Amino acid sequence: MDDRERLRIPGPVVEALACPHCGGGLAASGGALACARGHSFDAARQGYVNLVVGRPPGAGDDGEMVRARGEFFAAGHYAPLAAALAEHAVRWWSGGLVVDVGAGTGHHLAAVLDAVPQAHGLAVDVSRYALRRAARAHPRAGAVGCDVWRGLPLAAGSAGLLLNVFAPRNGPEFARVLRGDGALLVVTPAAHHLAELRSALGLIAVDPRKEERLAAQLRSHFTAGEEERVTVPLRLTRAETATLVGMTPSARHVAPEVLRDRLAGLDEPVEATAAFRVSVYRHR
């Protein structure tokens, strides 16, 4: 593969990126991104660029979680959530990048870019397994490795829309990169999200203080706007249920053999309810 072909980040996305060492602009240089001060970052074979500096943070989602997520999304089970995000994007985007922080496979980012054909997007994640998929999620999107707690490798005001789906939130940094007329779309689980499966399989419960913590993370820089509840009735096979569980952290908190036994004991179809809260935030 030619070095220039390896870098799969569109030009308008590269123009918005900033060097994580010095903050200077980045430019494509063969199969890498480089700044004027000589800091250079090679593209991985799959097309993404790792812009994490210093000691690497946690590895993020592992390969099995990412595989399960890609399979479950591709089957269309969470299509209503992607559609809701796309509808909000059409309403709120008025220029700048669409940046998905904690993008995973890039599935939601791709849905938004399909709905906003003028926009380019950036998938940000710490997991190399996720980035491998996100780099190919959409022709108008690129993917970079980044630890959101250390800052986003983006110029100030370069994003017109931020997506944050079940992912960490750095309020000050979100405010820095988001345009004054931009919007932040945050998706969190409602209290009864997958309650049937949590009860039957012994999965992690939704934190009852999640909304309180979300407000605390963002209130200094953002004002909460409208909110939409998205409820998705699910009728799954046991295999599909196993895939759904496998894409969540819950699967790591139940012994594999116990989880297999509990899944085998479920009647088919397995009925459950996915329940999401989509919240819109604007600059203060």
C-alpha atoms as a PDB file:
ATOM      1  CA  MET A   1       0.000   0.000   0.000  1.00  0.00           C
ATOM      2  CA  ASP A   2       1.305   3.461  -0.938  1.00  0.00           C
ATOM      3  CA  ASP A   3       2.009   5.679   2.111  1.00  0.00           C
ATOM      4  CA  ARG A   4      -0.384   8.326   0.831  1.00  0.00           C
ATOM      5  CA  GLU A   5      -3.137   5.748   0.494  1.00  0.00           C
ATOM      6  CA  ARG A   6      -2.665   4.518   4.050  1.00  0.00           C
ATOM      7  CA  LEU A   7      -3.758   7.826   5.602  1.00  0.00           C
ATOM      8  CA  ARG A   8      -7.571   7.794   5.466  1.00  0.00           C
ATOM      9  CA  ILE A   9      -8.313  11.224   6.921  1.00  0.00           C
ATOM     10  CA  PRO A  10     -10.030  13.702   4.559  1.00  0.00           C
ATOM     11  CA  GLY A  11      -8.345  17.065   3.961  1.00  0.00           C
ATOM     12  CA  PRO A  12     -10.978  19.187   5.769  1.00  0.00           C
ATOM     13  CA  VAL A  13     -10.542  16.988   8.846  1.00  0.00           C
ATOM     14  CA  VAL A  14      -6.748  17.236   8.770  1.00  0.00           C
ATOM     15  CA  GLU A  15      -7.042  21.036   8.603  1.00  0.00           C
ATOM     16  CA  ALA A  16      -8.894  21.048  11.935  1.00  0.00           C
ATOM     17  CA  LEU A  17      -6.410  18.816  13.763  1.00  0.00           C
ATOM     18  CA  ALA A  18      -3.820  20.158  16.188  1.00  0.00           C
ATOM     19  CA  CYS A  19      -0.534  18.614  17.265  1.00  0.00           C
ATOM     20  CA  PRO A  20      -0.956  17.091  20.741  1.00  0.00           C
ATOM     21  CA  HIS A  21       2.611  18.132  21.636  1.00  0.00           C
ATOM     22  CA  CYS A  22       2.680  21.810  20.669  1.00  0.00           C
ATOM     23  CA  GLY A  23      -0.827  22.675  19.505  1.00  0.00           C
ATOM     24  CA  GLY A  24       0.327  23.619  16.014  1.00  0.00           C
ATOM     25  CA  GLY A  25      -1.565  22.663  12.904  1.00  0.00           C
ATOM     26  CA  LEU A  26      -1.027  19.264  11.297  1.00  0.00           C
ATOM     27  CA  ALA A  27      -0.631  18.444   7.626  1.00  0.00           C
ATOM     28  CA  ALA A  28      -0.509  15.221   5.654  1.00  0.00           C
ATOM     29  CA  SER A  29       3.042  14.109   4.932  1.00  0.00           C
ATOM     30  CA  GLY A  30       3.133  10.826   3.068  1.00  0.00           C
ATOM     31  CA  GLY A  31       1.561   8.246   5.341  1.00  0.00           C
ATOM     32  CA  ALA A  32       1.758  10.479   8.388  1.00  0.00           C
ATOM     33  CA  LEU A  33       0.592  13.731   9.957  1.00  0.00           C
ATOM     34  CA  ALA A  34       3.235  16.273  10.891  1.00  0.00           C
ATOM     35  CA  CYS A  35       3.410  19.788  12.321  1.00  0.00           C
ATOM     36  CA  ALA A  36       5.825  22.632  11.495  1.00  0.00           C
ATOM     37  CA  ARG A  37       7.928  21.851  14.573  1.00  0.00           C
ATOM     38  CA  GLY A  38       8.677  18.353  13.349  1.00  0.00           C
ATOM     39  CA  HIS A  39       6.340  16.276  15.454  1.00  0.00           C
ATOM     40  CA  SER A  40       5.154  13.405  13.279  1.00  0.00           C
ATOM     41  CA  PHE A  41       2.524  10.701  13.676  1.00  0.00           C
ATOM     42  CA  ASP A  42       2.385   7.690  11.380  1.00  0.00           C
ATOM     43  CA  ALA A  43      -0.895   6.345  10.080  1.00  0.00           C
ATOM     44  CA  ALA A  44      -1.739   2.780  11.015  1.00  0.00           C
ATOM     45  CA  ARG A  45      -2.276   0.300   8.207  1.00  0.00           C
ATOM     46  CA  GLN A  46      -6.038   0.631   8.694  1.00  0.00           C
ATOM     47  CA  GLY A  47      -5.906   4.403   8.108  1.00  0.00           C
ATOM     48  CA  TYR A  48      -6.251   5.987  11.550  1.00  0.00           C
ATOM     49  CA  VAL A  49      -3.582   8.027  13.339  1.00  0.00           C
ATOM     50  CA  ASN A  50      -2.736   7.638  17.012  1.00  0.00           C
ATOM     51  CA  LEU A  51      -2.386  11.101  18.570  1.00  0.00           C
ATOM     52  CA  VAL A  52      -2.025   9.915  22.162  1.00  0.00           C
ATOM     53  CA  VAL A  53       1.140  11.309  23.760  1.00  0.00           C
ATOM     54  CA  GLY A  54       2.930  10.285  26.919  1.00  0.00           C
ATOM     55  CA  ARG A  55       2.103   7.128  28.777  1.00  0.00           C
ATOM     56  CA  PRO A  56      -0.768   5.365  27.000  1.00  0.00           C
ATOM     57  CA  PRO A  57      -4.091   5.454  28.872  1.00  0.00           C
ATOM     58  CA  GLY A  58      -6.227   2.359  29.344  1.00  0.00           C
ATOM     59  CA  ALA A  59      -6.657   0.313  26.194  1.00  0.00           C
ATOM     60  CA  GLY A  60     -10.397   1.020  25.925  1.00  0.00           C
ATOM     61  CA  ASP A  61     -12.781  -1.512  24.404  1.00  0.00           C
ATOM     62  CA  ASP A  62     -11.157  -4.811  23.492  1.00  0.00           C
ATOM     63  CA  GLY A  63     -11.465  -6.578  20.157  1.00  0.00           C
ATOM     64  CA  GLU A  64     -14.377  -8.778  21.199  1.00  0.00           C
ATOM     65  CA  MET A  65     -16.440  -5.847  22.481  1.00  0.00           C
ATOM     66  CA  VAL A  66     -15.841  -3.923  19.262  1.00  0.00           C
ATOM     67  CA  ARG A  67     -16.687  -6.943  17.116  1.00  0.00           C
ATOM     68  CA  ALA A  68     -19.926  -7.489  19.016  1.00  0.00           C
ATOM     69  CA  ARG A  69     -20.867  -3.821  18.736  1.00  0.00           C
ATOM     70  CA  GLY A  70     -20.238  -3.789  14.996  1.00  0.00           C
ATOM     71  CA  GLU A  71     -22.348  -6.911  14.521  1.00  0.00           C
ATOM     72  CA  PHE A  72     -25.240  -5.665  16.654  1.00  0.00           C
ATOM     73  CA  PHE A  73     -25.353  -2.234  15.014  1.00  0.00           C
ATOM     74  CA  ALA A  74     -25.091  -3.713  11.520  1.00  0.00           C
ATOM     75  CA  ALA A  75     -28.181  -5.830  12.249  1.00  0.00           C
ATOM     76  CA  GLY A  76     -30.147  -2.603  12.784  1.00  0.00           C
ATOM     77  CA  HIS A  77     -31.261  -3.257  16.348  1.00  0.00           C
ATOM     78  CA  TYR A  78     -30.394   0.279  17.484  1.00  0.00           C
ATOM     79  CA  ALA A  79     -31.423   2.007  14.253  1.00  0.00           C
ATOM     80  CA  PRO A  80     -33.932   4.295  16.049  1.00  0.00           C
ATOM     81  CA  LEU A  81     -31.125   5.780  18.131  1.00  0.00           C
ATOM     82  CA  ALA A  82     -28.992   6.470  15.056  1.00  0.00           C
ATOM     83  CA  ALA A  83     -32.031   8.023  13.374  1.00  0.00           C
ATOM     84  CA  ALA A  84     -32.674  10.285  16.370  1.00  0.00           C
ATOM     85  CA  LEU A  85     -29.072  11.500  16.357  1.00  0.00           C
ATOM     86  CA  ALA A  86     -29.287  12.157  12.613  1.00  0.00           C
ATOM     87  CA  GLU A  87     -32.468  14.207  13.067  1.00  0.00           C
ATOM     88  CA  HIS A  88     -30.861  16.341  15.761  1.00  0.00           C
ATOM     89  CA  ALA A  89     -27.764  16.785  13.613  1.00  0.00           C
ATOM     90  CA  VAL A  90     -29.814  18.126  10.712  1.00  0.00           C
ATOM     91  CA  ARG A  91     -31.390  20.620  13.077  1.00  0.00           C
ATOM     92  CA  TRP A  92     -28.289  21.794  14.918  1.00  0.00           C
ATOM     93  CA  TRP A  93     -25.329  21.529  12.538  1.00  0.00           C
ATOM     94  CA  SER A  94     -24.426  24.855  10.906  1.00  0.00           C
ATOM     95  CA  GLY A  95     -20.795  24.262   9.929  1.00  0.00           C
ATOM     96  CA  GLY A  96     -17.577  22.800  11.283  1.00  0.00           C
ATOM     97  CA  LEU A  97     -16.651  19.200  11.922  1.00  0.00           C
ATOM     98  CA  VAL A  98     -18.922  16.576  13.387  1.00  0.00           C
ATOM     99  CA  VAL A  99     -16.763  15.020  16.117  1.00  0.00           C
ATOM    100  CA  ASP A 100     -17.773  11.789  17.837  1.00  0.00           C
ATOM    101  CA  VAL A 101     -15.903  11.500  21.139  1.00  0.00           C
ATOM    102  CA  GLY A 102     -15.747   7.865  22.194  1.00  0.00           C
ATOM    103  CA  ALA A 103     -16.891   6.913  18.712  1.00  0.00           C
ATOM    104  CA  GLY A 104     -16.387   3.172  18.922  1.00  0.00           C
ATOM    105  CA  THR A 105     -16.973   1.694  15.474  1.00  0.00           C
ATOM    106  CA  GLY A 106     -18.074   5.061  14.039  1.00  0.00           C
ATOM    107  CA  HIS A 107     -21.606   3.783  13.441  1.00  0.00           C
ATOM    108  CA  HIS A 108     -23.422   6.807  14.867  1.00  0.00           C
ATOM    109  CA  LEU A 109     -21.029   9.245  13.220  1.00  0.00           C
ATOM    110  CA  ALA A 110     -21.703   7.630   9.847  1.00  0.00           C
ATOM    111  CA  ALA A 111     -25.473   7.982  10.331  1.00  0.00           C
ATOM    112  CA  VAL A 112     -25.070  11.677  11.093  1.00  0.00           C
ATOM    113  CA  LEU A 113     -22.809  12.290   8.100  1.00  0.00           C
ATOM    114  CA  ASP A 114     -25.309  10.550   5.822  1.00  0.00           C
ATOM    115  CA  ALA A 115     -27.942  13.001   7.085  1.00  0.00           C
ATOM    116  CA  VAL A 116     -25.678  16.073   6.743  1.00  0.00           C
ATOM    117  CA  PRO A 117     -23.971  15.652   3.345  1.00  0.00           C
ATOM    118  CA  GLN A 118     -22.023  18.929   3.614  1.00  0.00           C
ATOM    119  CA  ALA A 119     -20.217  17.887   6.787  1.00  0.00           C
ATOM    120  CA  HIS A 120     -16.996  16.031   7.472  1.00  0.00           C
ATOM    121  CA  GLY A 121     -16.473  13.996  10.609  1.00  0.00           C
ATOM    122  CA  LEU A 122     -13.852  12.799  13.052  1.00  0.00           C
ATOM    123  CA  ALA A 123     -14.064   9.666  15.205  1.00  0.00           C
ATOM    124  CA  VAL A 124     -12.089   9.896  18.442  1.00  0.00           C
ATOM    125  CA  ASP A 125     -11.420   6.849  20.587  1.00  0.00           C
ATOM    126  CA  VAL A 126      -8.688   5.320  22.697  1.00  0.00           C
ATOM    127  CA  SER A 127      -9.237   1.726  21.533  1.00  0.00           C
ATOM    128  CA  ARG A 128      -7.152   0.631  18.581  1.00  0.00           C
ATOM    129  CA  TYR A 129      -9.753  -2.017  17.789  1.00  0.00           C
ATOM    130  CA  ALA A 130     -12.454   0.629  17.552  1.00  0.00           C
ATOM    131  CA  LEU A 131     -10.264   2.947  15.499  1.00  0.00           C
ATOM    132  CA  ARG A 132      -9.600   0.242  12.915  1.00  0.00           C
ATOM    133  CA  ARG A 133     -13.325   0.147  12.167  1.00  0.00           C
ATOM    134  CA  ALA A 134     -14.007   3.852  12.621  1.00  0.00           C
ATOM    135  CA  ALA A 135     -11.332   4.756  10.055  1.00  0.00           C
ATOM    136  CA  ARG A 136     -13.517   3.093   7.406  1.00  0.00           C
ATOM    137  CA  ALA A 137     -16.927   4.040   8.780  1.00  0.00           C
ATOM    138  CA  HIS A 138     -17.608   6.815   6.252  1.00  0.00           C
ATOM    139  CA  PRO A 139     -15.790   8.374   3.270  1.00  0.00           C
ATOM    140  CA  ARG A 140     -16.082  11.861   4.794  1.00  0.00           C
ATOM    141  CA  ALA A 141     -14.699  10.844   8.170  1.00  0.00           C
ATOM    142  CA  GLY A 142     -11.303  10.161   9.690  1.00  0.00           C
ATOM    143  CA  ALA A 143     -10.276   8.573  12.977  1.00  0.00           C
ATOM    144  CA  VAL A 144      -7.634   9.454  15.556  1.00  0.00           C
ATOM    145  CA  GLY A 145      -6.507   7.906  18.817  1.00  0.00           C
ATOM    146  CA  CYS A 146      -6.941  10.262  21.745  1.00  0.00           C
ATOM    147  CA  ASP A 147      -7.470  10.251  25.498  1.00  0.00           C
ATOM    148  CA  VAL A 148     -10.257  12.793  26.045  1.00  0.00           C
ATOM    149  CA  TRP A 149      -9.017  13.554  29.569  1.00  0.00           C
ATOM    150  CA  ARG A 150      -5.710  14.806  28.169  1.00  0.00           C
ATOM    151  CA  GLY A 151      -7.394  17.059  25.620  1.00  0.00           C
ATOM    152  CA  LEU A 152      -8.691  16.748  22.087  1.00  0.00           C
ATOM    153  CA  PRO A 153      -6.200  17.204  19.201  1.00  0.00           C
ATOM    154  CA  LEU A 154      -8.386  19.846  17.568  1.00  0.00           C
ATOM    155  CA  ALA A 155      -8.166  23.574  16.959  1.00  0.00           C
ATOM    156  CA  ALA A 156     -10.401  25.765  19.094  1.00  0.00           C
ATOM    157  CA  GLY A 157     -13.849  26.221  17.595  1.00  0.00           C
ATOM    158  CA  SER A 158     -13.292  23.625  14.881  1.00  0.00           C
ATOM    159  CA  ALA A 159     -16.316  21.454  15.715  1.00  0.00           C
ATOM    160  CA  GLY A 160     -19.871  22.392  14.875  1.00  0.00           C
ATOM    161  CA  LEU A 161     -21.394  19.302  16.440  1.00  0.00           C
ATOM    162  CA  LEU A 162     -20.090  16.982  19.150  1.00  0.00           C
ATOM    163  CA  LEU A 163     -21.507  13.490  19.651  1.00  0.00           C
ATOM    164  CA  ASN A 164     -21.030  11.664  22.926  1.00  0.00           C
ATOM    165  CA  VAL A 165     -22.733   8.274  23.127  1.00  0.00           C
ATOM    166  CA  PHE A 166     -22.172   6.314  26.350  1.00  0.00           C
ATOM    167  CA  ALA A 167     -18.693   7.858  26.526  1.00  0.00           C
ATOM    168  CA  PRO A 168     -16.516  10.012  28.841  1.00  0.00           C
ATOM    169  CA  ARG A 169     -17.249  13.749  28.911  1.00  0.00           C
ATOM    170  CA  ASN A 170     -14.627  16.470  29.370  1.00  0.00           C
ATOM    171  CA  GLY A 171     -16.706  19.630  29.700  1.00  0.00           C
ATOM    172  CA  PRO A 172     -13.928  22.259  29.436  1.00  0.00           C
ATOM    173  CA  GLU A 173     -12.387  20.572  26.426  1.00  0.00           C
ATOM    174  CA  PHE A 174     -15.745  20.125  24.716  1.00  0.00           C
ATOM    175  CA  ALA A 175     -16.386  23.833  25.189  1.00  0.00           C
ATOM    176  CA  ARG A 176     -12.981  24.741  23.743  1.00  0.00           C
ATOM    177  CA  VAL A 177     -13.363  22.863  20.472  1.00  0.00           C
ATOM    178  CA  LEU A 178     -17.071  23.554  19.914  1.00  0.00           C
ATOM    179  CA  ARG A 179     -18.105  26.592  17.890  1.00  0.00           C
ATOM    180  CA  GLY A 180     -20.191  29.218  19.634  1.00  0.00           C
ATOM    181  CA  ASP A 181     -23.232  28.234  17.587  1.00  0.00           C
ATOM    182  CA  GLY A 182     -22.532  24.517  17.871  1.00  0.00           C
ATOM    183  CA  ALA A 183     -24.294  21.798  19.841  1.00  0.00           C
ATOM    184  CA  LEU A 184     -23.291  18.855  21.994  1.00  0.00           C
ATOM    185  CA  LEU A 185     -25.479  15.740  21.737  1.00  0.00           C
ATOM    186  CA  VAL A 186     -25.105  13.389  24.697  1.00  0.00           C
ATOM    187  CA  VAL A 187     -26.670   9.920  24.826  1.00  0.00           C
ATOM    188  CA  THR A 188     -27.044   8.198  28.185  1.00  0.00           C
ATOM    189  CA  PRO A 189     -29.009   5.105  29.247  1.00  0.00           C
ATOM    190  CA  ALA A 190     -32.394   5.644  30.876  1.00  0.00           C
ATOM    191  CA  ALA A 191     -32.945   3.998  34.243  1.00  0.00           C
ATOM    192  CA  HIS A 192     -34.818   1.048  32.718  1.00  0.00           C
ATOM    193  CA  HIS A 193     -32.367   0.468  29.865  1.00  0.00           C
ATOM    194  CA  LEU A 194     -32.202  -3.327  29.305  1.00  0.00           C
ATOM    195  CA  ALA A 195     -33.743  -3.872  32.729  1.00  0.00           C
ATOM    196  CA  GLU A 196     -35.088  -7.287  31.695  1.00  0.00           C
ATOM    197  CA  LEU A 197     -31.622  -8.530  30.776  1.00  0.00           C
ATOM    198  CA  ARG A 198     -29.978  -6.990  33.799  1.00  0.00           C
ATOM    199  CA  SER A 199     -32.390  -8.873  36.025  1.00  0.00           C
ATOM    200  CA  ALA A 200     -32.186 -12.214  34.200  1.00  0.00           C
ATOM    201  CA  LEU A 201     -28.432 -12.222  33.608  1.00  0.00           C
ATOM    202  CA  GLY A 202     -27.112 -10.353  36.625  1.00  0.00           C
ATOM    203  CA  LEU A 203     -25.678  -7.456  34.635  1.00  0.00           C
ATOM    204  CA  ILE A 204     -24.537  -4.086  35.959  1.00  0.00           C
ATOM    205  CA  ALA A 205     -27.374  -1.737  36.898  1.00  0.00           C
ATOM    206  CA  VAL A 206     -27.632   1.792  35.490  1.00  0.00           C
ATOM    207  CA  ASP A 207     -26.155   4.256  37.979  1.00  0.00           C
ATOM    208  CA  PRO A 208     -29.148   6.099  39.519  1.00  0.00           C
ATOM    209  CA  ARG A 209     -27.001   9.231  39.855  1.00  0.00           C
ATOM    210  CA  LYS A 210     -25.906   9.218  36.223  1.00  0.00           C
ATOM    211  CA  GLU A 211     -27.944  12.293  35.278  1.00  0.00           C
ATOM    212  CA  GLU A 212     -26.658  14.168  38.309  1.00  0.00           C
ATOM    213  CA  ARG A 213     -23.079  13.362  37.358  1.00  0.00           C
ATOM    214  CA  LEU A 214     -23.695  14.377  33.735  1.00  0.00           C
ATOM    215  CA  ALA A 215     -25.024  17.766  34.830  1.00  0.00           C
ATOM    216  CA  ALA A 216     -22.030  18.295  37.100  1.00  0.00           C
ATOM    217  CA  GLN A 217     -19.568  17.495  34.308  1.00  0.00           C
ATOM    218  CA  LEU A 218     -21.078  20.014  31.910  1.00  0.00           C
ATOM    219  CA  ARG A 219     -22.830  22.778  33.856  1.00  0.00           C
ATOM    220  CA  SER A 220     -19.848  25.139  34.033  1.00  0.00           C
ATOM    221  CA  HIS A 221     -19.634  25.429  30.258  1.00  0.00           C
ATOM    222  CA  PHE A 222     -22.964  24.322  28.814  1.00  0.00           C
ATOM    223  CA  THR A 223     -26.661  24.942  29.199  1.00  0.00           C
ATOM    224  CA  ALA A 224     -28.993  21.960  28.940  1.00  0.00           C
ATOM    225  CA  GLY A 225     -31.590  22.279  26.198  1.00  0.00           C
ATOM    226  CA  GLU A 226     -34.165  19.900  24.846  1.00  0.00           C
ATOM    227  CA  GLU A 227     -34.195  16.210  25.664  1.00  0.00           C
ATOM    228  CA  GLU A 228     -35.582  13.248  23.750  1.00  0.00           C
ATOM    229  CA  ARG A 229     -36.355   9.778  25.046  1.00  0.00           C
ATOM    230  CA  VAL A 230     -35.769   6.955  22.568  1.00  0.00           C
ATOM    231  CA  THR A 231     -37.286   3.592  23.438  1.00  0.00           C
ATOM    232  CA  VAL A 232     -36.488   0.522  21.333  1.00  0.00           C
ATOM    233  CA  PRO A 233     -38.381  -2.749  21.923  1.00  0.00           C
ATOM    234  CA  LEU A 234     -36.091  -5.700  21.197  1.00  0.00           C
ATOM    235  CA  ARG A 235     -36.990  -9.263  20.187  1.00  0.00           C
ATOM    236  CA  LEU A 236     -33.769 -11.206  19.965  1.00  0.00           C
ATOM    237  CA  THR A 237     -32.464 -14.717  19.607  1.00  0.00           C
ATOM    238  CA  ARG A 238     -30.207 -16.025  22.351  1.00  0.00           C
ATOM    239  CA  ALA A 239     -27.230 -15.519  20.017  1.00  0.00           C
ATOM    240  CA  GLU A 240     -28.218 -11.896  19.392  1.00  0.00           C
ATOM    241  CA  THR A 241     -28.681 -11.401  23.120  1.00  0.00           C
ATOM    242  CA  ALA A 242     -25.192 -12.757  23.711  1.00  0.00           C
ATOM    243  CA  THR A 243     -23.869 -10.272  21.152  1.00  0.00           C
ATOM    244  CA  LEU A 244     -25.674  -7.397  22.872  1.00  0.00           C
ATOM    245  CA  VAL A 245     -24.272  -8.370  26.253  1.00  0.00           C
ATOM    246  CA  GLY A 246     -20.825  -8.865  24.751  1.00  0.00           C
ATOM    247  CA  MET A 247     -20.640  -5.277  23.528  1.00  0.00           C
ATOM    248  CA  THR A 248     -21.124  -3.865  27.034  1.00  0.00           C
ATOM    249  CA  PRO A 249     -18.844  -3.752  30.079  1.00  0.00           C
ATOM    250  CA  SER A 250     -21.409  -5.911  31.874  1.00  0.00           C
ATOM    251  CA  ALA A 251     -20.048  -9.011  30.162  1.00  0.00           C
ATOM    252  CA  ARG A 252     -16.780  -8.579  32.057  1.00  0.00           C
ATOM    253  CA  HIS A 253     -18.509  -8.600  35.430  1.00  0.00           C
ATOM    254  CA  VAL A 254     -20.132 -12.035  35.173  1.00  0.00           C
ATOM    255  CA  ALA A 255     -18.077 -15.221  34.913  1.00  0.00           C
ATOM    256  CA  PRO A 256     -18.222 -16.497  31.287  1.00  0.00           C
ATOM    257  CA  GLU A 257     -19.565 -19.929  32.241  1.00  0.00           C
ATOM    258  CA  VAL A 258     -22.262 -18.367  34.455  1.00  0.00           C
ATOM    259  CA  LEU A 259     -23.276 -15.987  31.683  1.00  0.00           C
ATOM    260  CA  ARG A 260     -23.480 -18.857  29.167  1.00  0.00           C
ATOM    261  CA  ASP A 261     -25.730 -20.846  31.493  1.00  0.00           C
ATOM    262  CA  ARG A 262     -28.008 -17.882  32.107  1.00  0.00           C
ATOM    263  CA  LEU A 263     -28.248 -17.101  28.389  1.00  0.00           C
ATOM    264  CA  ALA A 264     -29.087 -20.734  27.628  1.00  0.00           C
ATOM    265  CA  GLY A 265     -31.967 -20.552  30.091  1.00  0.00           C
ATOM    266  CA  LEU A 266     -33.702 -17.636  28.340  1.00  0.00           C
ATOM    267  CA  ASP A 267     -36.844 -18.263  26.309  1.00  0.00           C
ATOM    268  CA  GLU A 268     -36.810 -17.173  22.673  1.00  0.00           C
ATOM    269  CA  PRO A 269     -37.473 -14.647  21.447  1.00  0.00           C
ATOM    270  CA  VAL A 270     -35.722 -12.720  24.193  1.00  0.00           C
ATOM    271  CA  GLU A 271     -37.678  -9.538  24.830  1.00  0.00           C
ATOM    272  CA  ALA A 272     -36.055  -6.455  26.290  1.00  0.00           C
ATOM    273  CA  THR A 273     -36.299  -2.691  26.096  1.00  0.00           C
ATOM    274  CA  ALA A 274     -33.436  -0.409  25.157  1.00  0.00           C
ATOM    275  CA  ALA A 275     -34.066   3.074  26.531  1.00  0.00           C
ATOM    276  CA  PHE A 276     -31.917   6.093  25.738  1.00  0.00           C
ATOM    277  CA  ARG A 277     -31.890   9.757  26.678  1.00  0.00           C
ATOM    278  CA  VAL A 278     -30.629  12.165  23.987  1.00  0.00           C
ATOM    279  CA  SER A 279     -29.736  15.527  25.549  1.00  0.00           C
ATOM    280  CA  VAL A 280     -28.826  18.706  23.666  1.00  0.00           C
ATOM    281  CA  TYR A 281     -26.350  21.140  25.205  1.00  0.00           C
ATOM    282  CA  ARG A 282     -25.341  24.601  24.001  1.00  0.00           C
ATOM    283  CA  HIS A 283     -22.590  27.000  25.078  1.00  0.00           C
ATOM    284  CA  ARG A 284     -23.344  29.201  28.046  1.00  0.00           C
END
